[in-house]
Amino acid sequence: MTLSLAETPEAKVASPEFSLYIVRCADGTLYTGIATDVDKRLAEHESGPRGAKYLRGRGPLEVVFAQVAGDRAAASQLEYRVKRLSRLQKLDLIESRLRLADL
């Protein structure tokens, strides 16, 4: 008996859900990223060499927006769209006057 690709044990492992997040830096700038664990990623930004270079020296950092965005591909597409928004549009997103679904 041959198993199809969808029936293999590897196929049953769910791909992780990614969240899109926006961080406000101490200087008021906004940084957008994606992660499977936003709290863990924030800790990496604050203390580790794996944090984004942009955020170094800009602490303290505060997550002001986080929302599940789906798999990595969907999250990356949303991240691209959000990064192209103006600061005012990002603030509208943070304040719920704009929704990710509208992008």
N, C-alpha and C. Protein backbone atom coordinates (compact mmCIF):
# COMPACT_ATOMS: atom_id res chain seq x y z
N MET A 1 0.85 -1.19 0.00
CA MET A 1 0.00 0.00 0.00
C MET A 1 0.89 1.24 0.00
N THR A 2 0.58 2.19 -0.86
CA THR A 2 1.36 3.41 -0.97
C THR A 2 0.59 4.58 -0.37
N LEU A 3 1.29 5.38 0.43
CA LEU A 3 0.67 6.55 1.03
C LEU A 3 0.83 7.74 0.09
N SER A 4 -0.22 8.49 -0.04
CA SER A 4 -0.10 9.73 -0.80
C SER A 4 0.63 10.75 0.06
N LEU A 5 1.09 11.81 -0.55
CA LEU A 5 1.84 12.82 0.17
C LEU A 5 1.03 13.41 1.32
N ALA A 6 -0.27 13.59 1.14
CA ALA A 6 -1.12 14.19 2.17
C ALA A 6 -1.30 13.26 3.37
N GLU A 7 -1.03 11.96 3.19
CA GLU A 7 -1.24 11.01 4.27
C GLU A 7 0.04 10.72 5.06
N THR A 8 1.17 11.24 4.64
CA THR A 8 2.41 10.97 5.33
C THR A 8 2.44 11.70 6.66
N PRO A 9 3.15 11.16 7.65
CA PRO A 9 3.22 11.83 8.95
C PRO A 9 3.77 13.25 8.86
N GLU A 10 4.71 13.50 7.94
CA GLU A 10 5.28 14.84 7.80
C GLU A 10 4.22 15.84 7.35
N ALA A 11 3.28 15.41 6.54
CA ALA A 11 2.24 16.31 6.02
C ALA A 11 1.24 16.69 7.10
N LYS A 12 1.12 15.84 8.14
CA LYS A 12 0.15 16.12 9.19
C LYS A 12 0.66 17.13 10.21
N VAL A 13 1.95 17.41 10.17
CA VAL A 13 2.52 18.41 11.08
C VAL A 13 2.07 19.78 10.59
N ALA A 14 1.36 20.48 11.43
CA ALA A 14 0.83 21.80 11.04
C ALA A 14 1.96 22.81 10.93
N SER A 15 1.90 23.63 9.90
CA SER A 15 2.88 24.70 9.80
C SER A 15 2.54 25.74 10.85
N PRO A 16 3.55 26.36 11.42
CA PRO A 16 3.29 27.32 12.50
C PRO A 16 2.52 28.54 12.00
N GLU A 17 1.71 29.08 12.88
CA GLU A 17 0.99 30.31 12.56
C GLU A 17 1.88 31.50 12.90
N PHE A 18 1.97 32.40 11.98
CA PHE A 18 2.77 33.61 12.18
C PHE A 18 1.86 34.76 12.55
N SER A 19 2.40 35.67 13.35
CA SER A 19 1.70 36.90 13.71
C SER A 19 2.46 38.07 13.13
N LEU A 20 1.73 39.08 12.73
CA LEU A 20 2.32 40.34 12.32
C LEU A 20 2.31 41.23 13.56
N TYR A 21 3.41 41.93 13.82
CA TYR A 21 3.46 42.79 14.99
C TYR A 21 4.08 44.14 14.64
N ILE A 22 3.71 45.13 15.43
CA ILE A 22 4.30 46.47 15.30
C ILE A 22 4.84 46.85 16.67
N VAL A 23 6.09 47.30 16.69
CA VAL A 23 6.76 47.71 17.92
C VAL A 23 6.95 49.22 17.86
N ARG A 24 6.67 49.88 18.99
CA ARG A 24 6.97 51.32 19.12
C ARG A 24 8.29 51.44 19.90
N CYS A 25 9.22 52.17 19.32
CA CYS A 25 10.51 52.39 19.96
C CYS A 25 10.43 53.61 20.89
N ALA A 26 11.43 53.76 21.72
CA ALA A 26 11.46 54.89 22.66
C ALA A 26 11.45 56.23 21.93
N ASP A 27 12.02 56.28 20.71
CA ASP A 27 12.04 57.53 19.95
C ASP A 27 10.75 57.76 19.16
N GLY A 28 9.77 56.85 19.34
CA GLY A 28 8.47 57.02 18.70
C GLY A 28 8.35 56.36 17.33
N THR A 29 9.44 55.84 16.79
CA THR A 29 9.36 55.18 15.49
C THR A 29 8.67 53.83 15.62
N LEU A 30 8.16 53.34 14.50
CA LEU A 30 7.43 52.07 14.47
C LEU A 30 8.20 51.06 13.64
N TYR A 31 8.27 49.83 14.13
CA TYR A 31 8.95 48.74 13.43
C TYR A 31 7.94 47.62 13.23
N THR A 32 7.88 47.07 12.03
CA THR A 32 6.95 46.00 11.70
C THR A 32 7.71 44.71 11.43
N GLY A 33 7.19 43.60 11.95
CA GLY A 33 7.81 42.30 11.71
C GLY A 33 6.81 41.18 11.83
N ILE A 34 7.28 39.95 11.60
CA ILE A 34 6.45 38.77 11.76
C ILE A 34 7.20 37.77 12.63
N ALA A 35 6.45 36.94 13.36
CA ALA A 35 7.06 35.94 14.22
C ALA A 35 6.01 34.91 14.61
N THR A 36 6.46 33.72 14.97
CA THR A 36 5.55 32.70 15.48
C THR A 36 5.27 32.94 16.95
N ASP A 37 6.20 33.57 17.65
CA ASP A 37 6.05 33.89 19.07
C ASP A 37 6.51 35.32 19.27
N VAL A 38 5.58 36.25 19.34
CA VAL A 38 5.89 37.68 19.38
C VAL A 38 6.68 38.03 20.65
N ASP A 39 6.31 37.47 21.80
CA ASP A 39 7.02 37.79 23.04
C ASP A 39 8.48 37.34 22.97
N LYS A 40 8.69 36.15 22.43
CA LYS A 40 10.06 35.64 22.27
C LYS A 40 10.85 36.52 21.31
N ARG A 41 10.21 36.92 20.22
CA ARG A 41 10.88 37.76 19.22
C ARG A 41 11.23 39.12 19.81
N LEU A 42 10.34 39.68 20.61
CA LEU A 42 10.62 40.96 21.27
C LEU A 42 11.83 40.82 22.18
N ALA A 43 11.92 39.73 22.92
CA ALA A 43 13.07 39.50 23.80
C ALA A 43 14.36 39.42 22.98
N GLU A 44 14.29 38.80 21.80
CA GLU A 44 15.47 38.74 20.92
C GLU A 44 15.85 40.13 20.44
N HIS A 45 14.86 40.94 20.11
CA HIS A 45 15.15 42.31 19.67
C HIS A 45 15.82 43.11 20.79
N GLU A 46 15.36 42.90 22.01
CA GLU A 46 15.86 43.70 23.14
C GLU A 46 17.24 43.28 23.61
N SER A 47 17.58 42.00 23.48
CA SER A 47 18.82 41.58 24.12
C SER A 47 19.76 40.75 23.28
N GLY A 48 19.29 40.16 22.22
CA GLY A 48 20.14 39.21 21.53
C GLY A 48 20.72 39.71 20.23
N PRO A 49 21.73 39.00 19.74
CA PRO A 49 22.31 39.36 18.45
C PRO A 49 21.37 39.04 17.29
N ARG A 50 20.29 38.30 17.56
CA ARG A 50 19.32 37.96 16.51
C ARG A 50 18.27 39.05 16.32
N GLY A 51 18.34 40.10 17.10
CA GLY A 51 17.38 41.18 16.96
C GLY A 51 17.68 42.02 15.73
N ALA A 52 16.67 42.74 15.27
CA ALA A 52 16.84 43.60 14.09
C ALA A 52 17.82 44.73 14.39
N LYS A 53 18.71 45.01 13.45
CA LYS A 53 19.69 46.08 13.63
C LYS A 53 19.01 47.43 13.86
N TYR A 54 17.90 47.63 13.18
CA TYR A 54 17.19 48.91 13.32
C TYR A 54 16.82 49.20 14.76
N LEU A 55 16.50 48.17 15.52
CA LEU A 55 16.00 48.36 16.88
C LEU A 55 17.10 48.50 17.93
N ARG A 56 18.33 48.25 17.55
CA ARG A 56 19.43 48.35 18.53
C ARG A 56 19.59 49.78 19.00
N GLY A 57 19.59 49.96 20.31
CA GLY A 57 19.74 51.28 20.90
C GLY A 57 18.49 52.13 20.86
N ARG A 58 17.36 51.56 20.46
CA ARG A 58 16.11 52.32 20.38
C ARG A 58 15.12 51.93 21.47
N GLY A 59 15.56 51.15 22.45
CA GLY A 59 14.68 50.70 23.52
C GLY A 59 14.40 51.79 24.53
N PRO A 60 13.44 51.56 25.40
CA PRO A 60 12.66 50.34 25.52
C PRO A 60 11.66 50.19 24.37
N LEU A 61 11.37 48.94 24.07
CA LEU A 61 10.45 48.61 22.98
C LEU A 61 9.11 48.18 23.54
N GLU A 62 8.05 48.50 22.82
CA GLU A 62 6.70 48.15 23.26
C GLU A 62 5.91 47.60 22.06
N VAL A 63 5.37 46.41 22.21
CA VAL A 63 4.51 45.86 21.17
C VAL A 63 3.17 46.59 21.26
N VAL A 64 2.81 47.29 20.19
CA VAL A 64 1.57 48.06 20.18
C VAL A 64 0.50 47.44 19.30
N PHE A 65 0.89 46.42 18.52
CA PHE A 65 -0.06 45.73 17.66
C PHE A 65 0.45 44.33 17.40
N ALA A 66 -0.43 43.35 17.49
CA ALA A 66 -0.09 41.97 17.11
C ALA A 66 -1.36 41.27 16.69
N GLN A 67 -1.29 40.57 15.57
CA GLN A 67 -2.45 39.84 15.07
C GLN A 67 -1.98 38.64 14.27
N VAL A 68 -2.65 37.51 14.45
CA VAL A 68 -2.32 36.31 13.70
C VAL A 68 -2.54 36.59 12.22
N ALA A 69 -1.54 36.18 11.41
CA ALA A 69 -1.59 36.47 9.98
C ALA A 69 -1.57 35.22 9.11
N GLY A 70 -1.54 34.05 9.71
CA GLY A 70 -1.55 32.81 8.93
C GLY A 70 -0.18 32.19 8.78
N ASP A 71 0.04 31.52 7.66
CA ASP A 71 1.33 30.87 7.44
C ASP A 71 2.38 31.92 7.07
N ARG A 72 3.61 31.46 6.90
CA ARG A 72 4.71 32.39 6.65
C ARG A 72 4.49 33.22 5.39
N ALA A 73 4.00 32.61 4.34
CA ALA A 73 3.79 33.34 3.08
C ALA A 73 2.76 34.45 3.26
N ALA A 74 1.64 34.13 3.89
CA ALA A 74 0.59 35.15 4.10
C ALA A 74 1.09 36.26 5.01
N ALA A 75 1.82 35.88 6.06
CA ALA A 75 2.35 36.87 7.00
C ALA A 75 3.37 37.78 6.31
N SER A 76 4.20 37.21 5.47
CA SER A 76 5.20 38.01 4.75
C SER A 76 4.54 38.99 3.79
N GLN A 77 3.48 38.57 3.14
CA GLN A 77 2.75 39.48 2.25
C GLN A 77 2.13 40.63 3.02
N LEU A 78 1.53 40.32 4.17
CA LEU A 78 0.94 41.38 5.00
C LEU A 78 2.02 42.32 5.53
N GLU A 79 3.15 41.74 5.94
CA GLU A 79 4.25 42.57 6.44
C GLU A 79 4.69 43.56 5.36
N TYR A 80 4.82 43.08 4.14
CA TYR A 80 5.21 43.95 3.02
C TYR A 80 4.21 45.10 2.85
N ARG A 81 2.92 44.75 2.90
CA ARG A 81 1.89 45.79 2.74
C ARG A 81 1.92 46.81 3.87
N VAL A 82 2.09 46.33 5.10
CA VAL A 82 2.11 47.24 6.25
C VAL A 82 3.34 48.13 6.20
N LYS A 83 4.48 47.58 5.82
CA LYS A 83 5.70 48.39 5.75
C LYS A 83 5.58 49.50 4.71
N ARG A 84 4.72 49.33 3.72
CA ARG A 84 4.52 50.35 2.70
C ARG A 84 3.51 51.43 3.13
N LEU A 85 2.83 51.22 4.25
CA LEU A 85 1.87 52.20 4.74
C LEU A 85 2.59 53.42 5.29
N SER A 86 1.90 54.54 5.29
CA SER A 86 2.44 55.74 5.93
C SER A 86 2.37 55.56 7.44
N ARG A 87 3.07 56.40 8.16
CA ARG A 87 3.02 56.36 9.62
C ARG A 87 1.59 56.55 10.12
N LEU A 88 0.85 57.48 9.51
CA LEU A 88 -0.53 57.72 9.94
C LEU A 88 -1.40 56.50 9.71
N GLN A 89 -1.19 55.81 8.60
CA GLN A 89 -1.97 54.59 8.33
C GLN A 89 -1.61 53.49 9.33
N LYS A 90 -0.34 53.39 9.70
CA LYS A 90 0.07 52.41 10.71
C LYS A 90 -0.57 52.73 12.05
N LEU A 91 -0.63 54.01 12.38
CA LEU A 91 -1.29 54.41 13.64
C LEU A 91 -2.78 54.07 13.58
N ASP A 92 -3.41 54.23 12.41
CA ASP A 92 -4.82 53.84 12.24
C ASP A 92 -4.97 52.33 12.47
N LEU A 93 -4.03 51.55 11.99
CA LEU A 93 -4.05 50.11 12.20
C LEU A 93 -3.93 49.78 13.68
N ILE A 94 -3.03 50.45 14.36
CA ILE A 94 -2.83 50.24 15.80
C ILE A 94 -4.09 50.60 16.58
N GLU A 95 -4.75 51.68 16.18
CA GLU A 95 -5.94 52.17 16.87
C GLU A 95 -7.24 51.53 16.36
N SER A 96 -7.11 50.51 15.52
CA SER A 96 -8.25 49.75 14.98
C SER A 96 -9.15 50.57 14.07
N ARG A 97 -8.65 51.64 13.50
CA ARG A 97 -9.42 52.39 12.51
C ARG A 97 -9.17 51.83 11.11
N LEU A 98 -8.18 50.95 10.99
CA LEU A 98 -7.86 50.25 9.77
C LEU A 98 -7.64 48.79 10.14
N ARG A 99 -8.09 47.87 9.29
CA ARG A 99 -7.96 46.44 9.59
C ARG A 99 -6.99 45.79 8.62
N LEU A 100 -6.30 44.75 9.07
CA LEU A 100 -5.41 44.01 8.19
C LEU A 100 -6.17 43.47 6.99
N ALA A 101 -7.40 43.07 7.20
CA ALA A 101 -8.20 42.52 6.11
C ALA A 101 -8.45 43.54 5.02
N ASP A 102 -8.36 44.83 5.35
CA ASP A 102 -8.56 45.89 4.37
C ASP A 102 -7.34 46.10 3.46
N LEU A 103 -6.23 45.49 3.84
CA LEU A 103 -5.00 45.69 3.06
C LEU A 103 -5.00 44.72 1.93
